[in-house]
Amino acid sequence: MRRFIPILILLSACAETSPAPEDARLAPENAPVDLAFCEGEPFADSIGQPVSTIQAALPERSRVLGPDDLATQDYRIDRLNVFVNGTGIIQRLSCG
């Protein structure tokens, strides 16, 4: 009988648990982006517009990233990242 106890313990550890309540599954809201570090505040209202409307006015340390573009993973707080979709419409802005 004693040799079945470890097996029963292992089986109970693999048992299904009840699903989490619906409230627990909600993702936390994204924190607002502070674009002051990368001089991006003037462009905050440009989301949803073509990138060509602001491209000439972007700060020197900025980059426009499309959906299939490769980007370095170095973090620079003073760099403005402009994310666009395949048609060149601005989706979001971030510093880094």
C-alpha atoms as a PDB file:
ATOM      1  CA  MET A   1       0.000   0.000   0.000  1.00  0.00           C
ATOM      2  CA  ARG A   2       2.839   2.409   0.783  1.00  0.00           C
ATOM      3  CA  ARG A   3       4.290   2.123  -2.688  1.00  0.00           C
ATOM      4  CA  PHE A   4       1.066   3.543  -4.198  1.00  0.00           C
ATOM      5  CA  ILE A   5       1.225   6.778  -2.177  1.00  0.00           C
ATOM      6  CA  PRO A   6       3.914   8.475  -4.363  1.00  0.00           C
ATOM      7  CA  ILE A   7       1.994   7.502  -7.485  1.00  0.00           C
ATOM      8  CA  LEU A   8      -1.214   8.989  -6.073  1.00  0.00           C
ATOM      9  CA  ILE A   9       0.632  12.180  -5.154  1.00  0.00           C
ATOM     10  CA  LEU A  10       1.985  12.513  -8.693  1.00  0.00           C
ATOM     11  CA  LEU A  11      -1.429  11.873 -10.199  1.00  0.00           C
ATOM     12  CA  SER A  12      -3.057  14.484  -7.971  1.00  0.00           C
ATOM     13  CA  ALA A  13      -0.444  17.035  -9.074  1.00  0.00           C
ATOM     14  CA  CYS A  14      -1.453  16.442 -12.700  1.00  0.00           C
ATOM     15  CA  ALA A  15      -5.161  16.861 -12.018  1.00  0.00           C
ATOM     16  CA  GLU A  16      -7.060  19.575 -13.867  1.00  0.00           C
ATOM     17  CA  THR A  17      -7.745  22.765 -11.967  1.00  0.00           C
ATOM     18  CA  SER A  18     -10.774  24.964 -12.360  1.00  0.00           C
ATOM     19  CA  PRO A  19     -10.415  27.780 -14.910  1.00  0.00           C
ATOM     20  CA  ALA A  20      -9.595  31.272 -13.705  1.00  0.00           C
ATOM     21  CA  PRO A  21     -12.462  33.732 -13.409  1.00  0.00           C
ATOM     22  CA  GLU A  22     -13.107  35.950 -16.420  1.00  0.00           C
ATOM     23  CA  ASP A  23     -11.791  38.995 -14.543  1.00  0.00           C
ATOM     24  CA  ALA A  24      -8.354  37.439 -14.094  1.00  0.00           C
ATOM     25  CA  ARG A  25      -7.883  36.834 -17.819  1.00  0.00           C
ATOM     26  CA  LEU A  26      -8.064  40.494 -18.798  1.00  0.00           C
ATOM     27  CA  ALA A  27      -4.733  42.001 -19.799  1.00  0.00           C
ATOM     28  CA  PRO A  28      -3.606  45.051 -17.871  1.00  0.00           C
ATOM     29  CA  GLU A  29      -3.968  48.332 -19.698  1.00  0.00           C
ATOM     30  CA  ASN A  30      -0.855  49.647 -21.364  1.00  0.00           C
ATOM     31  CA  ALA A  31       0.834  52.434 -19.517  1.00  0.00           C
ATOM     32  CA  PRO A  32       0.702  55.750 -21.331  1.00  0.00           C
ATOM     33  CA  VAL A  33       3.807  56.447 -23.369  1.00  0.00           C
ATOM     34  CA  ASP A  34       5.836  59.468 -22.275  1.00  0.00           C
ATOM     35  CA  LEU A  35       7.230  60.823 -25.522  1.00  0.00           C
ATOM     36  CA  ALA A  36       9.030  63.747 -23.860  1.00  0.00           C
ATOM     37  CA  PHE A  37      12.275  61.775 -23.584  1.00  0.00           C
ATOM     38  CA  CYS A  38      12.610  61.352 -27.352  1.00  0.00           C
ATOM     39  CA  GLU A  39      11.047  64.632 -28.542  1.00  0.00           C
ATOM     40  CA  GLY A  40       7.991  62.792 -29.836  1.00  0.00           C
ATOM     41  CA  GLU A  41       5.223  64.794 -28.118  1.00  0.00           C
ATOM     42  CA  PRO A  42       4.472  66.949 -31.193  1.00  0.00           C
ATOM     43  CA  PHE A  43       3.779  63.765 -33.180  1.00  0.00           C
ATOM     44  CA  ALA A  44       1.406  62.091 -30.700  1.00  0.00           C
ATOM     45  CA  ASP A  45      -1.652  63.142 -32.721  1.00  0.00           C
ATOM     46  CA  SER A  46      -0.195  61.661 -35.927  1.00  0.00           C
ATOM     47  CA  ILE A  47      -1.326  58.098 -35.223  1.00  0.00           C
ATOM     48  CA  GLY A  48      -3.552  56.955 -38.067  1.00  0.00           C
ATOM     49  CA  GLN A  49      -1.992  59.349 -40.580  1.00  0.00           C
ATOM     50  CA  PRO A  50       0.572  58.586 -43.298  1.00  0.00           C
ATOM     51  CA  VAL A  51       4.164  58.771 -42.111  1.00  0.00           C
ATOM     52  CA  SER A  52       5.021  60.950 -45.100  1.00  0.00           C
ATOM     53  CA  THR A  53       3.173  63.865 -43.465  1.00  0.00           C
ATOM     54  CA  ILE A  54       5.664  64.033 -40.551  1.00  0.00           C
ATOM     55  CA  GLN A  55       8.779  62.349 -41.923  1.00  0.00           C
ATOM     56  CA  ALA A  56      10.634  65.589 -42.694  1.00  0.00           C
ATOM     57  CA  ALA A  57       9.937  66.966 -39.203  1.00  0.00           C
ATOM     58  CA  LEU A  58      11.048  63.890 -37.221  1.00  0.00           C
ATOM     59  CA  PRO A  59      13.934  64.363 -34.768  1.00  0.00           C
ATOM     60  CA  GLU A  60      17.436  63.401 -35.877  1.00  0.00           C
ATOM     61  CA  ARG A  61      17.542  60.278 -33.702  1.00  0.00           C
ATOM     62  CA  SER A  62      14.351  58.627 -34.930  1.00  0.00           C
ATOM     63  CA  ARG A  63      13.522  55.596 -37.005  1.00  0.00           C
ATOM     64  CA  VAL A  64      10.502  54.463 -38.961  1.00  0.00           C
ATOM     65  CA  LEU A  65       9.827  50.737 -38.646  1.00  0.00           C
ATOM     66  CA  GLY A  66       7.527  48.785 -40.928  1.00  0.00           C
ATOM     67  CA  PRO A  67       5.956  45.407 -40.128  1.00  0.00           C
ATOM     68  CA  ASP A  68       8.788  43.400 -41.723  1.00  0.00           C
ATOM     69  CA  ASP A  69      11.699  45.719 -40.898  1.00  0.00           C
ATOM     70  CA  LEU A  70      14.597  44.557 -38.771  1.00  0.00           C
ATOM     71  CA  ALA A  71      15.640  46.756 -35.860  1.00  0.00           C
ATOM     72  CA  THR A  72      18.510  46.698 -33.435  1.00  0.00           C
ATOM     73  CA  GLN A  73      17.598  45.792 -29.879  1.00  0.00           C
ATOM     74  CA  ASP A  74      19.679  48.480 -28.192  1.00  0.00           C
ATOM     75  CA  TYR A  75      17.600  50.748 -25.995  1.00  0.00           C
ATOM     76  CA  ARG A  76      18.074  54.485 -26.461  1.00  0.00           C
ATOM     77  CA  ILE A  77      15.663  56.624 -24.486  1.00  0.00           C
ATOM     78  CA  ASP A  78      16.361  59.597 -26.779  1.00  0.00           C
ATOM     79  CA  ARG A  79      15.325  57.753 -29.981  1.00  0.00           C
ATOM     80  CA  LEU A  80      11.785  58.043 -31.341  1.00  0.00           C
ATOM     81  CA  ASN A  81      10.399  54.862 -32.914  1.00  0.00           C
ATOM     82  CA  VAL A  82       7.572  55.313 -35.400  1.00  0.00           C
ATOM     83  CA  PHE A  83       5.808  52.043 -36.170  1.00  0.00           C
ATOM     84  CA  VAL A  84       3.882  51.927 -39.447  1.00  0.00           C
ATOM     85  CA  ASN A  85       1.774  49.272 -41.157  1.00  0.00           C
ATOM     86  CA  GLY A  86       2.366  47.972 -44.677  1.00  0.00           C
ATOM     87  CA  THR A  87       0.724  51.005 -46.290  1.00  0.00           C
ATOM     88  CA  GLY A  88       2.750  53.588 -44.314  1.00  0.00           C
ATOM     89  CA  ILE A  89       0.073  54.540 -41.790  1.00  0.00           C
ATOM     90  CA  ILE A  90       1.445  55.297 -38.294  1.00  0.00           C
ATOM     91  CA  GLN A  91       0.308  52.663 -35.787  1.00  0.00           C
ATOM     92  CA  ARG A  92       2.163  53.739 -32.636  1.00  0.00           C
ATOM     93  CA  LEU A  93       5.040  55.798 -31.297  1.00  0.00           C
ATOM     94  CA  SER A  94       7.530  54.902 -28.602  1.00  0.00           C
ATOM     95  CA  CYS A  95      10.852  55.967 -27.162  1.00  0.00           C
ATOM     96  CA  GLY A  96      13.741  53.553 -27.154  1.00  0.00           C
END
